[in-house]
């Protein structure tokens, strides 16, 4: 009878230890995944900010007046005079 009690107690102790170790492992895994989630959210925020800046830069770079100014100043281009313009009609 005493041996049965010892075996039963050891079995309960073993089960309890397994449950405790499993709980600790799951807590660690949950915290690790939460940290990864926070990093992903921060990365998404940074990427959205970069995308907004790129869209603004794109709209600035394709502005017609800016292109015309660069053509005149940096490339020395100018509108042709009327006598140099040829109209083609069908």
PDB file of N, CA and C in Angstrom:
ATOM      1  N   UNK A   1       0.823  -1.183   0.000  1.00  0.00           N
ATOM      2  CA  UNK A   1       0.000   0.000   0.000  1.00  0.00           C
ATOM      3  C   UNK A   1       0.870   1.250   0.000  1.00  0.00           C
ATOM      4  N   UNK A   2       1.920   1.225   0.761  1.00  0.00           N
ATOM      5  CA  UNK A   2       2.810   2.373   0.860  1.00  0.00           C
ATOM      6  C   UNK A   2       3.522   2.597  -0.460  1.00  0.00           C
ATOM      7  N   UNK A   3       3.885   1.546  -1.165  1.00  0.00           N
ATOM      8  CA  UNK A   3       4.555   1.658  -2.456  1.00  0.00           C
ATOM      9  C   UNK A   3       3.628   2.301  -3.485  1.00  0.00           C
ATOM     10  N   UNK A   4       2.341   1.952  -3.426  1.00  0.00           N
ATOM     11  CA  UNK A   4       1.373   2.555  -4.338  1.00  0.00           C
ATOM     12  C   UNK A   4       1.271   4.060  -4.105  1.00  0.00           C
ATOM     13  N   UNK A   5       1.289   4.475  -2.843  1.00  0.00           N
ATOM     14  CA  UNK A   5       1.221   5.907  -2.521  1.00  0.00           C
ATOM     15  C   UNK A   5       2.455   6.644  -3.037  1.00  0.00           C
ATOM     16  N   UNK A   6       3.610   6.022  -2.895  1.00  0.00           N
ATOM     17  CA  UNK A   6       4.848   6.647  -3.371  1.00  0.00           C
ATOM     18  C   UNK A   6       4.810   6.771  -4.898  1.00  0.00           C
ATOM     19  N   UNK A   7       4.407   5.710  -5.568  1.00  0.00           N
ATOM     20  CA  UNK A   7       4.327   5.740  -7.037  1.00  0.00           C
ATOM     21  C   UNK A   7       3.302   6.782  -7.487  1.00  0.00           C
ATOM     22  N   UNK A   8       2.163   6.818  -6.827  1.00  0.00           N
ATOM     23  CA  UNK A   8       1.129   7.792  -7.171  1.00  0.00           C
ATOM     24  C   UNK A   8       1.632   9.217  -6.960  1.00  0.00           C
ATOM     25  N   UNK A   9       2.318   9.450  -5.851  1.00  0.00           N
ATOM     26  CA  UNK A   9       2.867  10.780  -5.561  1.00  0.00           C
ATOM     27  C   UNK A   9       3.916  11.168  -6.595  1.00  0.00           C
ATOM     28  N   UNK A  10       4.789  10.236  -6.951  1.00  0.00           N
ATOM     29  CA  UNK A  10       5.810  10.522  -7.970  1.00  0.00           C
ATOM     30  C   UNK A  10       5.170  10.794  -9.333  1.00  0.00           C
ATOM     31  N   UNK A  11       4.128  10.063  -9.655  1.00  0.00           N
ATOM     32  CA  UNK A  11       3.429  10.285 -10.925  1.00  0.00           C
ATOM     33  C   UNK A  11       2.800  11.674 -10.949  1.00  0.00           C
ATOM     34  N   UNK A  12       2.145  12.048  -9.845  1.00  0.00           N
ATOM     35  CA  UNK A  12       1.558  13.389  -9.769  1.00  0.00           C
ATOM     36  C   UNK A  12       2.634  14.472  -9.839  1.00  0.00           C
ATOM     37  N   UNK A  13       3.746  14.257  -9.170  1.00  0.00           N
ATOM     38  CA  UNK A  13       4.848  15.215  -9.194  1.00  0.00           C
ATOM     39  C   UNK A  13       5.412  15.347 -10.605  1.00  0.00           C
ATOM     40  N   UNK A  14       5.574  14.218 -11.285  1.00  0.00           N
ATOM     41  CA  UNK A  14       6.087  14.239 -12.660  1.00  0.00           C
ATOM     42  C   UNK A  14       5.124  14.986 -13.583  1.00  0.00           C
ATOM     43  N   UNK A  15       3.850  14.700 -13.471  1.00  0.00           N
ATOM     44  CA  UNK A  15       2.851  15.386 -14.299  1.00  0.00           C
ATOM     45  C   UNK A  15       2.862  16.887 -14.008  1.00  0.00           C
ATOM     46  N   UNK A  16       2.946  17.236 -12.733  1.00  0.00           N
ATOM     47  CA  UNK A  16       2.988  18.651 -12.353  1.00  0.00           C
ATOM     48  C   UNK A  16       4.213  19.340 -12.939  1.00  0.00           C
ATOM     49  N   UNK A  17       5.373  18.693 -12.873  1.00  0.00           N
ATOM     50  CA  UNK A  17       6.595  19.277 -13.432  1.00  0.00           C
ATOM     51  C   UNK A  17       6.492  19.443 -14.948  1.00  0.00           C
ATOM     52  N   UNK A  18       5.910  18.455 -15.616  1.00  0.00           N
ATOM     53  CA  UNK A  18       5.735  18.552 -17.071  1.00  0.00           C
ATOM     54  C   UNK A  18       4.820  19.728 -17.408  1.00  0.00           C
ATOM     55  N   UNK A  19       3.756  19.882 -16.666  1.00  0.00           N
ATOM     56  CA  UNK A  19       2.827  20.990 -16.906  1.00  0.00           C
ATOM     57  C   UNK A  19       3.513  22.333 -16.658  1.00  0.00           C
ATOM     58  N   UNK A  20       4.293  22.430 -15.590  1.00  0.00           N
ATOM     59  CA  UNK A  20       4.996  23.679 -15.273  1.00  0.00           C
ATOM     60  C   UNK A  20       6.006  24.026 -16.358  1.00  0.00           C
ATOM     61  N   UNK A  21       6.790  23.049 -16.791  1.00  0.00           N
ATOM     62  CA  UNK A  21       7.785  23.295 -17.845  1.00  0.00           C
ATOM     63  C   UNK A  21       7.088  23.702 -19.139  1.00  0.00           C
ATOM     64  N   UNK A  22       5.998  23.034 -19.467  1.00  0.00           N
ATOM     65  CA  UNK A  22       5.239  23.381 -20.667  1.00  0.00           C
ATOM     66  C   UNK A  22       4.680  24.802 -20.571  1.00  0.00           C
ATOM     67  N   UNK A  23       4.171  25.174 -19.421  1.00  0.00           N
ATOM     68  CA  UNK A  23       3.639  26.521 -19.204  1.00  0.00           C
ATOM     69  C   UNK A  23       4.736  27.569 -19.391  1.00  0.00           C
ATOM     70  N   UNK A  24       5.899  27.321 -18.808  1.00  0.00           N
ATOM     71  CA  UNK A  24       7.023  28.258 -18.942  1.00  0.00           C
ATOM     72  C   UNK A  24       7.441  28.378 -20.402  1.00  0.00           C
ATOM     73  N   UNK A  25       7.509  27.266 -21.102  1.00  0.00           N
ATOM     74  CA  UNK A  25       7.873  27.280 -22.527  1.00  0.00           C
ATOM     75  C   UNK A  25       6.862  28.094 -23.340  1.00  0.00           C
ATOM     76  N   UNK A  26       5.578  27.871 -23.082  1.00  0.00           N
ATOM     77  CA  UNK A  26       4.546  28.596 -23.826  1.00  0.00           C
ATOM     78  C   UNK A  26       4.570  30.092 -23.519  1.00  0.00           C
ATOM     79  N   UNK A  27       4.839  30.446 -22.267  1.00  0.00           N
ATOM     80  CA  UNK A  27       4.955  31.870 -21.917  1.00  0.00           C
ATOM     81  C   UNK A  27       6.115  32.511 -22.668  1.00  0.00           C
ATOM     82  N   UNK A  28       7.239  31.827 -22.711  1.00  0.00           N
ATOM     83  CA  UNK A  28       8.416  32.339 -23.426  1.00  0.00           C
ATOM     84  C   UNK A  28       8.106  32.499 -24.914  1.00  0.00           C
ATOM     85  N   UNK A  29       7.467  31.482 -25.488  1.00  0.00           N
ATOM     86  CA  UNK A  29       7.134  31.523 -26.914  1.00  0.00           C
ATOM     87  C   UNK A  29       6.156  32.664 -27.210  1.00  0.00           C
ATOM     88  N   UNK A  30       5.182  32.857 -26.338  1.00  0.00           N
ATOM     89  CA  UNK A  30       4.208  33.935 -26.515  1.00  0.00           C
ATOM     90  C   UNK A  30       4.884  35.295 -26.464  1.00  0.00           C
ATOM     91  N   UNK A  31       5.774  35.490 -25.516  1.00  0.00           N
ATOM     92  CA  UNK A  31       6.490  36.771 -25.414  1.00  0.00           C
ATOM     93  C   UNK A  31       7.360  37.012 -26.635  1.00  0.00           C
ATOM     94  N   UNK A  32       8.011  35.967 -27.107  1.00  0.00           N
ATOM     95  CA  UNK A  32       8.859  36.087 -28.296  1.00  0.00           C
ATOM     96  C   UNK A  32       8.019  36.468 -29.517  1.00  0.00           C
ATOM     97  N   UNK A  33       6.870  35.838 -29.677  1.00  0.00           N
ATOM     98  CA  UNK A  33       5.998  36.161 -30.807  1.00  0.00           C
ATOM     99  C   UNK A  33       5.438  37.578 -30.689  1.00  0.00           C
ATOM    100  N   UNK A  34       5.168  38.030 -29.471  1.00  0.00           N
ATOM    101  CA  UNK A  34       4.676  39.387 -29.275  1.00  0.00           C
ATOM    102  C   UNK A  34       5.740  40.403 -29.675  1.00  0.00           C
ATOM    103  N   UNK A  35       6.990  40.137 -29.314  1.00  0.00           N
ATOM    104  CA  UNK A  35       8.086  41.023 -29.708  1.00  0.00           C
ATOM    105  C   UNK A  35       8.212  41.057 -31.229  1.00  0.00           C
ATOM    106  N   UNK A  36       8.096  39.909 -31.875  1.00  0.00           N
ATOM    107  CA  UNK A  36       8.156  39.858 -33.339  1.00  0.00           C
ATOM    108  C   UNK A  36       6.987  40.620 -33.959  1.00  0.00           C
ATOM    109  N   UNK A  37       5.804  40.504 -33.361  1.00  0.00           N
ATOM    110  CA  UNK A  37       4.639  41.236 -33.852  1.00  0.00           C
ATOM    111  C   UNK A  37       4.862  42.739 -33.747  1.00  0.00           C
ATOM    112  N   UNK A  38       5.390  43.188 -32.611  1.00  0.00           N
ATOM    113  CA  UNK A  38       5.653  44.620 -32.442  1.00  0.00           C
ATOM    114  C   UNK A  38       6.675  45.112 -33.458  1.00  0.00           C
ATOM    115  N   UNK A  39       7.702  44.314 -33.729  1.00  0.00           N
ATOM    116  CA  UNK A  39       8.709  44.694 -34.724  1.00  0.00           C
ATOM    117  C   UNK A  39       8.081  44.769 -36.111  1.00  0.00           C
ATOM    118  N   UNK A  40       7.193  43.849 -36.426  1.00  0.00           N
ATOM    119  CA  UNK A  40       6.519  43.866 -37.728  1.00  0.00           C
ATOM    120  C   UNK A  40       5.610  45.085 -37.862  1.00  0.00           C
ATOM    121  N   UNK A  41       4.925  45.439 -36.799  1.00  0.00           N
ATOM    122  CA  UNK A  41       4.059  46.623 -36.820  1.00  0.00           C
ATOM    123  C   UNK A  41       4.895  47.879 -37.022  1.00  0.00           C
ATOM    124  N   UNK A  42       6.027  47.962 -36.338  1.00  0.00           N
ATOM    125  CA  UNK A  42       6.912  49.118 -36.505  1.00  0.00           C
ATOM    126  C   UNK A  42       7.466  49.175 -37.929  1.00  0.00           C
ATOM    127  N   UNK A  43       7.837  48.021 -38.474  1.00  0.00           N
ATOM    128  CA  UNK A  43       8.337  47.978 -39.850  1.00  0.00           C
ATOM    129  C   UNK A  43       7.248  48.417 -40.829  1.00  0.00           C
ATOM    130  N   UNK A  44       6.011  47.972 -40.601  1.00  0.00           N
ATOM    131  CA  UNK A  44       4.903  48.392 -41.465  1.00  0.00           C
ATOM    132  C   UNK A  44       4.721  49.906 -41.406  1.00  0.00           C
ATOM    133  N   UNK A  45       4.796  50.467 -40.209  1.00  0.00           N
ATOM    134  CA  UNK A  45       4.660  51.914 -40.043  1.00  0.00           C
ATOM    135  C   UNK A  45       5.765  52.646 -40.804  1.00  0.00           C
ATOM    136  N   UNK A  46       6.997  52.166 -40.676  1.00  0.00           N
ATOM    137  CA  UNK A  46       8.119  52.796 -41.378  1.00  0.00           C
ATOM    138  C   UNK A  46       7.968  52.680 -42.891  1.00  0.00           C
ATOM    139  N   UNK A  47       7.524  51.519 -43.363  1.00  0.00           N
ATOM    140  CA  UNK A  47       7.329  51.337 -44.802  1.00  0.00           C
ATOM    141  C   UNK A  47       6.217  52.239 -45.334  1.00  0.00           C
ATOM    142  N   UNK A  48       5.147  52.401 -44.564  1.00  0.00           N
ATOM    143  CA  UNK A  48       4.074  53.307 -44.983  1.00  0.00           C
ATOM    144  C   UNK A  48       4.559  54.748 -45.046  1.00  0.00           C
ATOM    145  N   UNK A  49       5.384  55.148 -44.084  1.00  0.00           N
ATOM    146  CA  UNK A  49       5.943  56.503 -44.102  1.00  0.00           C
ATOM    147  C   UNK A  49       6.855  56.685 -45.309  1.00  0.00           C
ATOM    148  N   UNK A  50       7.692  55.691 -45.592  1.00  0.00           N
ATOM    149  CA  UNK A  50       8.569  55.755 -46.769  1.00  0.00           C
ATOM    150  C   UNK A  50       7.743  55.836 -48.050  1.00  0.00           C
ATOM    151  N   UNK A  51       6.675  55.063 -48.130  1.00  0.00           N
ATOM    152  CA  UNK A  51       5.822  55.071 -49.318  1.00  0.00           C
ATOM    153  C   UNK A  51       5.210  56.463 -49.523  1.00  0.00           C
ATOM    154  N   UNK A  52       4.764  57.079 -48.454  1.00  0.00           N
ATOM    155  CA  UNK A  52       4.205  58.427 -48.553  1.00  0.00           C
ATOM    156  C   UNK A  52       5.236  59.426 -49.047  1.00  0.00           C
ATOM    157  N   UNK A  53       6.455  59.332 -48.515  1.00  0.00           N
ATOM    158  CA  UNK A  53       7.530  60.232 -48.965  1.00  0.00           C
ATOM    159  C   UNK A  53       7.864  59.992 -50.432  1.00  0.00           C
ATOM    160  N   UNK A  54       7.886  58.734 -50.855  1.00  0.00           N
ATOM    161  CA  UNK A  54       8.178  58.423 -52.254  1.00  0.00           C
ATOM    162  C   UNK A  54       7.080  58.934 -53.184  1.00  0.00           C
ATOM    163  N   UNK A  55       5.829  58.835 -52.760  1.00  0.00           N
ATOM    164  CA  UNK A  55       4.740  59.358 -53.584  1.00  0.00           C
ATOM    165  C   UNK A  55       4.849  60.874 -53.725  1.00  0.00           C
ATOM    166  N   UNK A  56       5.180  61.554 -52.633  1.00  0.00           N
ATOM    167  CA  UNK A  56       5.351  63.005 -52.673  1.00  0.00           C
ATOM    168  C   UNK A  56       6.518  63.381 -53.571  1.00  0.00           C
ATOM    169  N   UNK A  57       7.624  62.666 -53.441  1.00  0.00           N
ATOM    170  CA  UNK A  57       8.792  62.927 -54.282  1.00  0.00           C
ATOM    171  C   UNK A  57       8.461  62.676 -55.752  1.00  0.00           C
ATOM    172  N   UNK A  58       7.734  61.630 -56.028  1.00  0.00           N
ATOM    173  CA  UNK A  58       7.348  61.319 -57.412  1.00  0.00           C
ATOM    174  C   UNK A  58       6.495  62.436 -57.998  1.00  0.00           C
ATOM    175  N   UNK A  59       5.516  62.903 -57.228  1.00  0.00           N
ATOM    176  CA  UNK A  59       4.652  63.967 -57.746  1.00  0.00           C
ATOM    177  C   UNK A  59       5.438  65.250 -57.968  1.00  0.00           C
ATOM    178  N   UNK A  60       6.460  65.489 -57.161  1.00  0.00           N
ATOM    179  CA  UNK A  60       7.305  66.671 -57.344  1.00  0.00           C
ATOM    180  C   UNK A  60       8.167  66.525 -58.586  1.00  0.00           C
ATOM    181  N   UNK A  61       8.720  65.346 -58.798  1.00  0.00           N
ATOM    182  CA  UNK A  61       9.637  65.142 -59.919  1.00  0.00           C
ATOM    183  C   UNK A  61       8.935  65.157 -61.271  1.00  0.00           C
ATOM    184  N   UNK A  62       7.686  64.772 -61.331  1.00  0.00           N
ATOM    185  CA  UNK A  62       6.991  64.732 -62.613  1.00  0.00           C
ATOM    186  C   UNK A  62       6.181  66.000 -62.881  1.00  0.00           C
ATOM    187  N   UNK A  63       6.326  66.997 -62.041  1.00  0.00           N
ATOM    188  CA  UNK A  63       5.638  68.266 -62.227  1.00  0.00           C
ATOM    189  C   UNK A  63       6.129  68.909 -63.524  1.00  0.00           C
ATOM    190  N   UNK A  64       5.203  69.302 -64.417  1.00  0.00           N
ATOM    191  CA  UNK A  64       5.567  69.842 -65.731  1.00  0.00           C
ATOM    192  C   UNK A  64       6.415  71.101 -65.642  1.00  0.00           C
ATOM    193  N   UNK A  65       6.092  72.002 -64.719  1.00  0.00           N
ATOM    194  CA  UNK A  65       6.869  73.241 -64.625  1.00  0.00           C
ATOM    195  C   UNK A  65       8.302  72.945 -64.193  1.00  0.00           C
ATOM    196  N   UNK A  66       8.484  71.952 -63.358  1.00  0.00           N
ATOM    197  CA  UNK A  66       9.838  71.580 -62.940  1.00  0.00           C
ATOM    198  C   UNK A  66      10.615  71.023 -64.127  1.00  0.00           C
ATOM    199  N   UNK A  67       9.972  70.181 -64.919  1.00  0.00           N
ATOM    200  CA  UNK A  67      10.636  69.605 -66.091  1.00  0.00           C
ATOM    201  C   UNK A  67      11.011  70.707 -67.077  1.00  0.00           C
ATOM    202  N   UNK A  68      10.102  71.658 -67.282  1.00  0.00           N
ATOM    203  CA  UNK A  68      10.379  72.768 -68.201  1.00  0.00           C
ATOM    204  C   UNK A  68      11.536  73.623 -67.692  1.00  0.00           C
ATOM    205  N   UNK A  69      11.575  73.884 -66.398  1.00  0.00           N
ATOM    206  CA  UNK A  69      12.660  74.680 -65.812  1.00  0.00           C
ATOM    207  C   UNK A  69      13.998  73.974 -65.973  1.00  0.00           C
ATOM    208  N   UNK A  70      14.041  72.683 -65.711  1.00  0.00           N
ATOM    209  CA  UNK A  70      15.293  71.928 -65.870  1.00  0.00           C
ATOM    210  C   UNK A  70      15.720  71.929 -67.332  1.00  0.00           C
ATOM    211  N   UNK A  71      14.756  71.777 -68.252  1.00  0.00           N
ATOM    212  CA  UNK A  71      15.088  71.779 -69.681  1.00  0.00           C
ATOM    213  C   UNK A  71      15.685  73.116 -70.094  1.00  0.00           C
ATOM    214  N   UNK A  72      15.145  74.212 -69.585  1.00  0.00           N
ATOM    215  CA  UNK A  72      15.651  75.539 -69.952  1.00  0.00           C
ATOM    216  C   UNK A  72      17.005  75.820 -69.319  1.00  0.00           C
ATOM    217  N   UNK A  73      17.138  75.569 -68.030  1.00  0.00           N
ATOM    218  CA  UNK A  73      18.352  75.972 -67.303  1.00  0.00           C
ATOM    219  C   UNK A  73      19.496  74.988 -67.523  1.00  0.00           C
ATOM    220  N   UNK A  74      19.270  73.714 -67.257  1.00  0.00           N
ATOM    221  CA  UNK A  74      20.365  72.745 -67.307  1.00  0.00           C
ATOM    222  C   UNK A  74      20.693  72.297 -68.724  1.00  0.00           C
ATOM    223  N   UNK A  75      19.687  72.210 -69.587  1.00  0.00           N
ATOM    224  CA  UNK A  75      19.918  71.694 -70.928  1.00  0.00           C
ATOM    225  C   UNK A  75      19.949  72.790 -71.991  1.00  0.00           C
ATOM    226  N   UNK A  76      19.632  74.017 -71.596  1.00  0.00           N
ATOM    227  CA  UNK A  76      19.658  75.130 -72.539  1.00  0.00           C
ATOM    228  C   UNK A  76      18.591  75.029 -73.618  1.00  0.00           C
ATOM    229  N   UNK A  77      17.513  74.342 -73.336  1.00  0.00           N
ATOM    230  CA  UNK A  77      16.456  74.182 -74.331  1.00  0.00           C
ATOM    231  C   UNK A  77      15.525  75.389 -74.286  1.00  0.00           C
ATOM    232  N   UNK A  78      14.876  75.676 -75.412  1.00  0.00           N
ATOM    233  CA  UNK A  78      13.905  76.762 -75.473  1.00  0.00           C
ATOM    234  C   UNK A  78      12.838  76.386 -76.484  1.00  0.00           C
ATOM    235  N   UNK A  79      11.716  77.070 -76.391  1.00  0.00           N
ATOM    236  CA  UNK A  79      10.642  76.827 -77.342  1.00  0.00           C
ATOM    237  C   UNK A  79      11.077  77.324 -78.710  1.00  0.00           C
ATOM    238  N   UNK A  80      10.758  76.599 -79.773  1.00  0.00           N
ATOM    239  CA  UNK A  80      11.138  77.061 -81.111  1.00  0.00           C
ATOM    240  C   UNK A  80      10.304  78.279 -81.525  1.00  0.00           C
ATOM    241  N   UNK A  81      10.895  79.065 -82.368  1.00  0.00           N
ATOM    242  CA  UNK A  81      10.169  80.234 -82.873  1.00  0.00           C
ATOM    243  C   UNK A  81       9.115  79.758 -83.860  1.00  0.00           C
ATOM    244  N   UNK A  82       8.138  80.638 -84.108  1.00  0.00           N
ATOM    245  CA  UNK A  82       6.999  80.253 -84.947  1.00  0.00           C
ATOM    246  C   UNK A  82       7.414  79.802 -86.337  1.00  0.00           C
ATOM    247  N   UNK A  83       8.432  80.416 -86.935  1.00  0.00           N
ATOM    248  CA  UNK A  83       8.826  80.031 -88.288  1.00  0.00           C
ATOM    249  C   UNK A  83       9.480  78.653 -88.336  1.00  0.00           C
ATOM    250  N   UNK A  84       9.904  78.140 -87.196  1.00  0.00           N
ATOM    251  CA  UNK A  84      10.514  76.811 -87.151  1.00  0.00           C
ATOM    252  C   UNK A  84       9.512  75.701 -86.823  1.00  0.00           C
ATOM    253  N   UNK A  85       8.270  76.071 -86.577  1.00  0.00           N
ATOM    254  CA  UNK A  85       7.235  75.092 -86.249  1.00  0.00           C
ATOM    255  C   UNK A  85       6.512  74.710 -87.530  1.00  0.00           C
ATOM    256  N   UNK A  86       6.415  73.436 -87.796  1.00  0.00           N
ATOM    257  CA  UNK A  86       5.731  72.930 -88.984  1.00  0.00           C
ATOM    258  C   UNK A  86       4.520  72.128 -88.517  1.00  0.00           C
ATOM    259  N   UNK A  87       3.365  72.486 -89.027  1.00  0.00           N
ATOM    260  CA  UNK A  87       2.139  71.759 -88.691  1.00  0.00           C
ATOM    261  C   UNK A  87       1.856  70.736 -89.775  1.00  0.00           C
ATOM    262  N   UNK A  88       1.537  69.554 -89.387  1.00  0.00           N
ATOM    263  CA  UNK A  88       1.228  68.484 -90.331  1.00  0.00           C
ATOM    264  C   UNK A  88      -0.251  68.158 -90.178  1.00  0.00           C
ATOM    265  N   UNK A  89      -0.960  68.200 -91.288  1.00  0.00           N
ATOM    266  CA  UNK A  89      -2.389  67.880 -91.250  1.00  0.00           C
ATOM    267  C   UNK A  89      -2.658  66.703 -92.165  1.00  0.00           C
ATOM    268  N   UNK A  90      -3.713  66.022 -91.948  1.00  0.00           N
ATOM    269  CA  UNK A  90      -4.076  64.869 -92.774  1.00  0.00           C
ATOM    270  C   UNK A  90      -4.938  65.271 -93.899  1.00  0.00           C
TER     271      UNK A  90
END
